[in-house]
C-alpha atoms as a PDB file:
ATOM      1  CA  MET A   1     108.222 114.604 120.939  1.00  0.00           C
ATOM      2  CA  ARG A   2     109.631 111.811 118.835  1.00  0.00           C
ATOM      3  CA  PRO A   3     113.426 111.573 118.797  1.00  0.00           C
ATOM      4  CA  ILE A   4     115.054 112.580 115.519  1.00  0.00           C
ATOM      5  CA  ARG A   5     116.309 109.476 113.744  1.00  0.00           C
ATOM      6  CA  THR A   6     119.802 109.677 112.328  1.00  0.00           C
ATOM      7  CA  PRO A   7     119.859 108.217 108.792  1.00  0.00           C
ATOM      8  CA  LYS A   8     121.884 105.060 108.379  1.00  0.00           C
ATOM      9  CA  THR A   9     125.098 105.363 106.386  1.00  0.00           C
ATOM     10  CA  ALA A  10     123.625 103.226 103.618  1.00  0.00           C
ATOM     11  CA  GLU A  11     120.675 105.623 103.328  1.00  0.00           C
ATOM     12  CA  LEU A  12     123.033 108.592 103.024  1.00  0.00           C
ATOM     13  CA  VAL A  13     125.031 106.851 100.304  1.00  0.00           C
ATOM     14  CA  ALA A  14     121.839 105.901  98.454  1.00  0.00           C
ATOM     15  CA  ARG A  15     120.708 109.533  98.711  1.00  0.00           C
ATOM     16  CA  LYS A  16     123.983 110.744  97.172  1.00  0.00           C
ATOM     17  CA  LEU A  17     123.822 108.235  94.324  1.00  0.00           C
ATOM     18  CA  ARG A  18     120.140 109.078  93.747  1.00  0.00           C
ATOM     19  CA  ARG A  19     121.037 112.762  93.479  1.00  0.00           C
ATOM     20  CA  MET A  20     123.741 111.928  90.920  1.00  0.00           C
ATOM     21  CA  ILE A  21     121.115 110.162  88.807  1.00  0.00           C
ATOM     22  CA  VAL A  22     118.607 113.003  89.148  1.00  0.00           C
ATOM     23  CA  ASP A  23     121.269 115.595  88.242  1.00  0.00           C
ATOM     24  CA  GLY A  24     122.375 113.606  85.215  1.00  0.00           C
ATOM     25  CA  GLU A  25     125.861 112.781  86.496  1.00  0.00           C
ATOM     26  CA  LEU A  26     124.828 109.153  86.120  1.00  0.00           C
ATOM     27  CA  GLN A  27     122.587 108.581  83.117  1.00  0.00           C
ATOM     28  CA  ASP A  28     120.303 105.817  81.918  1.00  0.00           C
ATOM     29  CA  GLY A  29     122.418 102.825  80.938  1.00  0.00           C
ATOM     30  CA  ASP A  30     125.527 103.915  82.832  1.00  0.00           C
ATOM     31  CA  HIS A  31     127.153 101.404  85.146  1.00  0.00           C
ATOM     32  CA  LEU A  32     127.925 102.428  88.679  1.00  0.00           C
ATOM     33  CA  PRO A  33     131.648 102.478  89.442  1.00  0.00           C
ATOM     34  CA  ASN A  34     132.908  99.174  90.788  1.00  0.00           C
ATOM     35  CA  GLU A  35     132.512  98.347  94.438  1.00  0.00           C
ATOM     36  CA  THR A  36     136.115  99.077  95.377  1.00  0.00           C
ATOM     37  CA  GLU A  37     135.973 102.589  93.920  1.00  0.00           C
ATOM     38  CA  LEU A  38     132.691 103.373  95.656  1.00  0.00           C
ATOM     39  CA  MET A  39     133.891 101.970  98.974  1.00  0.00           C
ATOM     40  CA  VAL A  40     136.975 104.187  98.838  1.00  0.00           C
ATOM     41  CA  HIS A  41     135.012 107.214  97.623  1.00  0.00           C
ATOM     42  CA  PHE A  42     132.430 107.018 100.423  1.00  0.00           C
ATOM     43  CA  SER A  43     134.770 105.466 103.032  1.00  0.00           C
ATOM     44  CA  ILE A  44     132.312 102.661 103.714  1.00  0.00           C
ATOM     45  CA  SER A  45     132.320  98.895 103.989  1.00  0.00           C
ATOM     46  CA  ARG A  46     131.143  96.500 101.308  1.00  0.00           C
ATOM     47  CA  PRO A  47     127.977  95.472 103.251  1.00  0.00           C
ATOM     48  CA  THR A  48     127.015  99.145 103.665  1.00  0.00           C
ATOM     49  CA  LEU A  49     127.533  99.822  99.951  1.00  0.00           C
ATOM     50  CA  ARG A  50     125.488  96.803  98.960  1.00  0.00           C
ATOM     51  CA  GLU A  51     122.689  97.907 101.279  1.00  0.00           C
ATOM     52  CA  ALA A  52     122.714 101.332  99.581  1.00  0.00           C
ATOM     53  CA  VAL A  53     122.525  99.739  96.150  1.00  0.00           C
ATOM     54  CA  ARG A  54     119.620  97.562  97.287  1.00  0.00           C
ATOM     55  CA  VAL A  55     117.757 100.748  98.272  1.00  0.00           C
ATOM     56  CA  LEU A  56     118.200 102.110  94.731  1.00  0.00           C
ATOM     57  CA  GLU A  57     117.256  98.745  93.263  1.00  0.00           C
ATOM     58  CA  SER A  58     114.003  98.756  95.250  1.00  0.00           C
ATOM     59  CA  GLU A  59     113.278 102.202  93.786  1.00  0.00           C
ATOM     60  CA  ARG A  60     113.901 100.864  90.266  1.00  0.00           C
ATOM     61  CA  LEU A  61     116.753 103.333  89.774  1.00  0.00           C
ATOM     62  CA  VAL A  62     119.366 100.652  89.209  1.00  0.00           C
ATOM     63  CA  GLU A  63     119.285  97.165  87.813  1.00  0.00           C
ATOM     64  CA  VAL A  64     121.662  94.736  89.466  1.00  0.00           C
ATOM     65  CA  ARG A  65     123.161  91.809  87.621  1.00  0.00           C
ATOM     66  CA  ARG A  66     124.535  89.018  89.719  1.00  0.00           C
ATOM     67  CA  GLY A  67     126.926  86.249  88.826  1.00  0.00           C
ATOM     68  CA  SER A  68     129.912  86.389  86.464  1.00  0.00           C
ATOM     69  CA  ARG A  69     128.753  89.695  84.918  1.00  0.00           C
ATOM     70  CA  ALA A  70     127.776  91.307  88.192  1.00  0.00           C
ATOM     71  CA  GLY A  71     127.271  95.033  88.440  1.00  0.00           C
ATOM     72  CA  ALA A  72     124.697  97.781  88.893  1.00  0.00           C
ATOM     73  CA  ARG A  73     123.395  99.696  85.879  1.00  0.00           C
ATOM     74  CA  VAL A  74     121.388 102.906  86.058  1.00  0.00           C
ATOM     75  CA  CYS A  75     117.824 102.347  84.851  1.00  0.00           C
ATOM     76  CA  VAL A  76     115.873 105.609  84.778  1.00  0.00           C
ATOM     77  CA  PRO A  77     112.208 104.685  85.308  1.00  0.00           C
ATOM     78  CA  GLY A  78     109.252 105.913  83.294  1.00  0.00           C
ATOM     79  CA  PRO A  79     105.653 106.469  84.387  1.00  0.00           C
ATOM     80  CA  GLU A  80     105.015 102.734  84.266  1.00  0.00           C
ATOM     81  CA  VAL A  81     106.833 102.446  87.610  1.00  0.00           C
ATOM     82  CA  ALA A  82     104.134 104.543  89.257  1.00  0.00           C
ATOM     83  CA  ALA A  83     101.320 103.209  87.089  1.00  0.00           C
ATOM     84  CA  ARG A  84     100.993  99.796  88.683  1.00  0.00           C
ATOM     85  CA  PRO A  85     100.925 100.965  92.337  1.00  0.00           C
ATOM     86  CA  ALA A  86      98.522 103.759  91.385  1.00  0.00           C
ATOM     87  CA  SER A  87      96.256 101.302  89.602  1.00  0.00           C
ATOM     88  CA  LEU A  88      96.346  99.019  92.623  1.00  0.00           C
ATOM     89  CA  LEU A  89      95.302 101.901  94.878  1.00  0.00           C
ATOM     90  CA  LEU A  90      92.423 102.695  92.522  1.00  0.00           C
ATOM     91  CA  GLU A  91      91.389  99.039  92.607  1.00  0.00           C
ATOM     92  CA  LEU A  92      91.513  98.940  96.397  1.00  0.00           C
ATOM     93  CA  ALA A  93      89.463 102.136  96.597  1.00  0.00           C
ATOM     94  CA  GLY A  94      86.788 100.624  94.363  1.00  0.00           C
ATOM     95  CA  ALA A  95      87.282 103.377  91.780  1.00  0.00           C
ATOM     96  CA  THR A  96      85.285 103.157  88.576  1.00  0.00           C
ATOM     97  CA  VAL A  97      86.493 103.733  85.043  1.00  0.00           C
ATOM     98  CA  ALA A  98      84.235 106.795  85.101  1.00  0.00           C
ATOM     99  CA  ASP A  99      86.483 108.223  87.847  1.00  0.00           C
ATOM    100  CA  VAL A 100      89.466 107.838  85.537  1.00  0.00           C
ATOM    101  CA  PHE A 101      87.726 109.540  82.628  1.00  0.00           C
ATOM    102  CA  VAL A 102      86.749 112.522  84.773  1.00  0.00           C
ATOM    103  CA  ALA A 103      90.357 112.850  85.931  1.00  0.00           C
ATOM    104  CA  ARG A 104      91.601 112.759  82.343  1.00  0.00           C
ATOM    105  CA  GLU A 105      89.154 115.519  81.444  1.00  0.00           C
ATOM    106  CA  ALA A 106      90.831 117.696  84.059  1.00  0.00           C
ATOM    107  CA  ILE A 107      94.305 116.907  82.741  1.00  0.00           C
ATOM    108  CA  GLU A 108      94.242 116.832  78.956  1.00  0.00           C
ATOM    109  CA  PRO A 109      92.548 120.145  78.028  1.00  0.00           C
ATOM    110  CA  ALA A 110      94.966 121.930  80.361  1.00  0.00           C
ATOM    111  CA  ALA A 111      97.850 120.164  78.633  1.00  0.00           C
ATOM    112  CA  ALA A 112      96.482 121.202  75.239  1.00  0.00           C
ATOM    113  CA  ARG A 113      96.501 124.835  76.375  1.00  0.00           C
ATOM    114  CA  LEU A 114     100.105 124.578  77.548  1.00  0.00           C
ATOM    115  CA  LEU A 115     101.130 122.876  74.318  1.00  0.00           C
ATOM    116  CA  ALA A 116      99.569 125.646  72.225  1.00  0.00           C
ATOM    117  CA  GLU A 117     101.435 128.237  74.278  1.00  0.00           C
ATOM    118  CA  ASN A 118     104.821 126.541  74.514  1.00  0.00           C
ATOM    119  CA  GLY A 119     104.967 123.682  72.007  1.00  0.00           C
ATOM    120  CA  THR A 120     107.460 123.427  69.175  1.00  0.00           C
ATOM    121  CA  GLU A 121     106.811 122.721  65.524  1.00  0.00           C
ATOM    122  CA  ALA A 122     108.651 119.443  66.037  1.00  0.00           C
ATOM    123  CA  ALA A 123     106.099 118.504  68.714  1.00  0.00           C
ATOM    124  CA  PHE A 124     103.204 119.317  66.396  1.00  0.00           C
ATOM    125  CA  ASP A 125     104.866 117.309  63.609  1.00  0.00           C
ATOM    126  CA  GLU A 126     105.153 114.342  65.972  1.00  0.00           C
ATOM    127  CA  LEU A 127     101.435 114.468  66.723  1.00  0.00           C
ATOM    128  CA  GLU A 128     100.720 114.585  62.975  1.00  0.00           C
ATOM    129  CA  ARG A 129     102.898 111.518  62.526  1.00  0.00           C
ATOM    130  CA  ILE A 130     101.021 109.648  65.246  1.00  0.00           C
ATOM    131  CA  VAL A 131      97.721 110.393  63.517  1.00  0.00           C
ATOM    132  CA  ASP A 132      99.134 109.299  60.160  1.00  0.00           C
ATOM    133  CA  GLU A 133     100.866 106.139  61.357  1.00  0.00           C
ATOM    134  CA  GLU A 134      99.197 104.944  64.556  1.00  0.00           C
ATOM    135  CA  ILE A 135      95.460 105.612  64.142  1.00  0.00           C
ATOM    136  CA  PRO A 136      93.973 103.410  61.398  1.00  0.00           C
ATOM    137  CA  LEU A 137      91.330 104.604  58.973  1.00  0.00           C
ATOM    138  CA  GLY A 138      89.716 101.167  58.918  1.00  0.00           C
ATOM    139  CA  TYR A 139      88.463  98.882  61.661  1.00  0.00           C
ATOM    140  CA  ASP A 140      91.651  97.454  63.090  1.00  0.00           C
ATOM    141  CA  LEU A 141      90.220  97.811  66.570  1.00  0.00           C
ATOM    142  CA  ASP A 142      93.339  96.951  68.549  1.00  0.00           C
ATOM    143  CA  ARG A 143      95.327  99.538  66.604  1.00  0.00           C
ATOM    144  CA  LEU A 144      92.519 102.043  67.033  1.00  0.00           C
ATOM    145  CA  ALA A 145      92.567 101.697  70.824  1.00  0.00           C
ATOM    146  CA  ARG A 146      96.352 101.733  70.944  1.00  0.00           C
ATOM    147  CA  GLY A 147      96.748 104.646  68.522  1.00  0.00           C
ATOM    148  CA  SER A 148      94.189 106.761  70.331  1.00  0.00           C
ATOM    149  CA  SER A 149      95.903 106.082  73.649  1.00  0.00           C
ATOM    150  CA  ILE A 150      99.310 107.007  72.216  1.00  0.00           C
ATOM    151  CA  PHE A 151      97.993 110.307  70.861  1.00  0.00           C
ATOM    152  CA  HIS A 152      96.350 111.279  74.151  1.00  0.00           C
ATOM    153  CA  LEU A 153      99.421 110.438  76.229  1.00  0.00           C
ATOM    154  CA  ARG A 154     101.955 111.994  73.878  1.00  0.00           C
ATOM    155  CA  MET A 155      99.966 115.211  73.649  1.00  0.00           C
ATOM    156  CA  VAL A 156     100.188 115.589  77.425  1.00  0.00           C
ATOM    157  CA  GLN A 157     103.874 114.669  77.491  1.00  0.00           C
ATOM    158  CA  LEU A 158     104.695 117.237  74.815  1.00  0.00           C
ATOM    159  CA  SER A 159     102.976 119.964  76.858  1.00  0.00           C
ATOM    160  CA  GLY A 160     106.144 120.155  78.932  1.00  0.00           C
ATOM    161  CA  ASN A 161     104.397 119.742  82.288  1.00  0.00           C
ATOM    162  CA  HIS A 162     106.050 116.749  83.915  1.00  0.00           C
ATOM    163  CA  THR A 163     103.419 116.365  86.627  1.00  0.00           C
ATOM    164  CA  LEU A 164     100.542 116.182  84.138  1.00  0.00           C
ATOM    165  CA  ALA A 165     102.590 113.778  82.012  1.00  0.00           C
ATOM    166  CA  LEU A 166     103.210 111.490  84.978  1.00  0.00           C
ATOM    167  CA  ILE A 167      99.534 111.374  85.917  1.00  0.00           C
ATOM    168  CA  ALA A 168      98.531 110.737  82.294  1.00  0.00           C
ATOM    169  CA  GLY A 169     101.082 107.930  82.081  1.00  0.00           C
ATOM    170  CA  MET A 170      99.709 106.371  85.251  1.00  0.00           C
ATOM    171  CA  LEU A 171      96.192 106.322  83.780  1.00  0.00           C
ATOM    172  CA  GLN A 172      97.133 105.244  80.251  1.00  0.00           C
ATOM    173  CA  GLU A 173      96.818 101.478  80.718  1.00  0.00           C
ATOM    174  CA  ILE A 174      93.325 101.800  82.201  1.00  0.00           C
ATOM    175  CA  PHE A 175      92.198 104.063  79.347  1.00  0.00           C
ATOM    176  CA  GLU A 176      93.698 101.853  76.648  1.00  0.00           C
ATOM    177  CA  ARG A 177      92.296  98.604  78.045  1.00  0.00           C
ATOM    178  CA  HIS A 178      88.835 100.050  78.510  1.00  0.00           C
ATOM    179  CA  THR A 179      88.854 101.562  75.009  1.00  0.00           C
ATOM    180  CA  SER A 180      89.856  98.201  73.553  1.00  0.00           C
ATOM    181  CA  VAL A 181      86.998  96.448  75.382  1.00  0.00           C
ATOM    182  CA  VAL A 182      84.446  98.997  74.199  1.00  0.00           C
ATOM    183  CA  VAL A 183      85.468  99.108  70.549  1.00  0.00           C
ATOM    184  CA  HIS A 184      85.424  95.310  70.372  1.00  0.00           C
ATOM    185  CA  ASP A 185      82.008  95.158  72.004  1.00  0.00           C
ATOM    186  CA  ARG A 186      80.678  97.727  69.561  1.00  0.00           C
ATOM    187  CA  VAL A 187      82.295  96.522  66.390  1.00  0.00           C
ATOM    188  CA  GLU A 188      78.971  96.438  64.534  1.00  0.00           C
ATOM    189  CA  GLU A 189      78.178  99.999  65.565  1.00  0.00           C
ATOM    190  CA  HIS A 190      81.566 101.053  64.208  1.00  0.00           C
ATOM    191  CA  ARG A 191      80.822  99.497  60.857  1.00  0.00           C
ATOM    192  CA  GLU A 192      77.522 101.309  60.641  1.00  0.00           C
ATOM    193  CA  GLY A 193      79.512 104.568  60.672  1.00  0.00           C
ATOM    194  CA  ASN A 194      78.260 106.080  63.907  1.00  0.00           C
ATOM    195  CA  ALA A 195      79.965 108.766  65.966  1.00  0.00           C
ATOM    196  CA  GLU A 196      82.729 106.369  66.977  1.00  0.00           C
ATOM    197  CA  ASN A 197      83.922 106.101  63.372  1.00  0.00           C
ATOM    198  CA  PRO A 198      87.743 106.321  63.325  1.00  0.00           C
ATOM    199  CA  LYS A 199      87.541 109.084  60.706  1.00  0.00           C
ATOM    200  CA  LEU A 200      85.871 111.348  63.248  1.00  0.00           C
ATOM    201  CA  LEU A 201      88.606 110.643  65.777  1.00  0.00           C
ATOM    202  CA  ILE A 202      91.249 111.503  63.202  1.00  0.00           C
ATOM    203  CA  ARG A 203      89.390 114.663  62.221  1.00  0.00           C
ATOM    204  CA  SER A 204      89.245 115.776  65.854  1.00  0.00           C
ATOM    205  CA  CYS A 205      92.962 115.124  66.361  1.00  0.00           C
ATOM    206  CA  ARG A 206      93.841 117.071  63.231  1.00  0.00           C
ATOM    207  CA  ARG A 207      91.631 119.934  64.375  1.00  0.00           C
ATOM    208  CA  LEU A 208      93.548 120.044  67.647  1.00  0.00           C
ATOM    209  CA  ILE A 209      96.881 120.105  65.830  1.00  0.00           C
ATOM    210  CA  LYS A 210      95.667 122.965  63.622  1.00  0.00           C
ATOM    211  CA  LEU A 211      94.745 124.964  66.731  1.00  0.00           C
ATOM    212  CA  LEU A 212      98.093 124.152  68.314  1.00  0.00           C
ATOM    213  CA  ARG A 213      99.993 125.364  65.258  1.00  0.00           C
ATOM    214  CA  ALA A 214      97.930 128.571  65.302  1.00  0.00           C
ATOM    215  CA  ARG A 215      98.913 129.075  68.975  1.00  0.00           C
ATOM    216  CA  ASP A 216      95.229 129.306  69.819  1.00  0.00           C
ATOM    217  CA  ALA A 217      95.472 128.233  73.462  1.00  0.00           C
ATOM    218  CA  ASP A 218      91.836 128.954  74.297  1.00  0.00           C
ATOM    219  CA  GLY A 219      90.640 127.226  71.154  1.00  0.00           C
ATOM    220  CA  ALA A 220      92.804 124.163  71.822  1.00  0.00           C
ATOM    221  CA  PHE A 221      91.529 123.961  75.405  1.00  0.00           C
ATOM    222  CA  GLU A 222      87.870 124.265  74.370  1.00  0.00           C
ATOM    223  CA  HIS A 223      88.162 121.831  71.463  1.00  0.00           C
ATOM    224  CA  TRP A 224      89.925 119.171  73.517  1.00  0.00           C
ATOM    225  CA  GLN A 225      87.532 119.637  76.408  1.00  0.00           C
ATOM    226  CA  ASN A 226      84.650 118.968  74.021  1.00  0.00           C
ATOM    227  CA  HIS A 227      86.555 116.010  72.574  1.00  0.00           C
ATOM    228  CA  MET A 228      87.098 114.531  76.032  1.00  0.00           C
ATOM    229  CA  THR A 229      83.449 115.008  76.981  1.00  0.00           C
ATOM    230  CA  THR A 230      82.300 113.330  73.766  1.00  0.00           C
ATOM    231  CA  THR A 231      84.795 110.512  74.280  1.00  0.00           C
ATOM    232  CA  ARG A 232      83.574 109.950  77.826  1.00  0.00           C
ATOM    233  CA  ASP A 233      79.945 109.834  76.719  1.00  0.00           C
ATOM    234  CA  LEU A 234      80.743 107.319  73.985  1.00  0.00           C
ATOM    235  CA  LEU A 235      83.109 105.058  75.885  1.00  0.00           C
ATOM    236  CA  LEU A 236      81.204 105.002  79.171  1.00  0.00           C
ATOM    237  CA  ARG A 237      77.718 104.438  77.781  1.00  0.00           C
ATOM    238  CA  GLY A 238      76.652 101.145  79.335  1.00  0.00           C
ATOM    239  CA  TYR A 239      79.885 100.910  81.349  1.00  0.00           C
ATOM    240  CA  GLU A 240      79.196 103.578  83.960  1.00  0.00           C
ATOM    241  CA  ASP A 241      79.672 101.247  86.933  1.00  0.00           C
ATOM    242  CA  VAL A 242      82.611  99.208  85.654  1.00  0.00           C
ATOM    243  CA  LYS A 243      85.388  99.083  88.233  1.00  0.00           C
ATOM    244  CA  VAL A 244      89.051  99.640  87.482  1.00  0.00           C
ATOM    245  CA  ARG A 245      89.780  96.193  88.920  1.00  0.00           C
ATOM    246  CA  ASP A 246      87.490  94.633  86.297  1.00  0.00           C
ATOM    247  CA  ILE A 247      89.506  96.270  83.505  1.00  0.00           C
ATOM    248  CA  LEU A 248      92.924  95.292  84.869  1.00  0.00           C
ATOM    249  CA  ASP A 249      92.097  91.691  85.849  1.00  0.00           C
END
């Protein structure tokens, strides 16, 4: 049997401060109390306290300023903190963009169902606003890729399931970059009014919102599942073997 390792004092202090952030006692933007207060509070030395703060800094939970305006400020991370390591793991595994699209198909229809069941009118209004303001009717291709990505991610976030939202946030950059590549490559097809016409995307998003407002959970799930399947077929055609690393380079 391996001996049980006793945590270092700095680790215990970092754990306590981490719990204060998680519980909301310390909020985003708050400054940690000064060193003297924390040393007295925890009955520890300055080197031990600084080691504890370095642990939180490595976790991106605090941002440390050094110099004349030194101090540690709470910096609550978003999904982007996990996105880069996750993307790196996908790159190392040789994952394809197709892998990512299949994963999103498992996530987003489930989120649509949850949103129909539990969403608020304010959430539905926000999705309407995104369609109105972020997804262009014309052929501003960068805005089209960005607006589509925002809608997909925000829909999952508004579902209220934090785990699904985290995974969607981790995959967002890959989806957005790939979408941007595809719509630029197919600009002429867009202008010929094929199935990738932005109007059809907007129509599909509005259909989802209508189902959400009607609290039709099954309908929202089925519609968004069909939307995701159609999206995958359109955006992966000719790109089936593209690797995640090729998109993120």
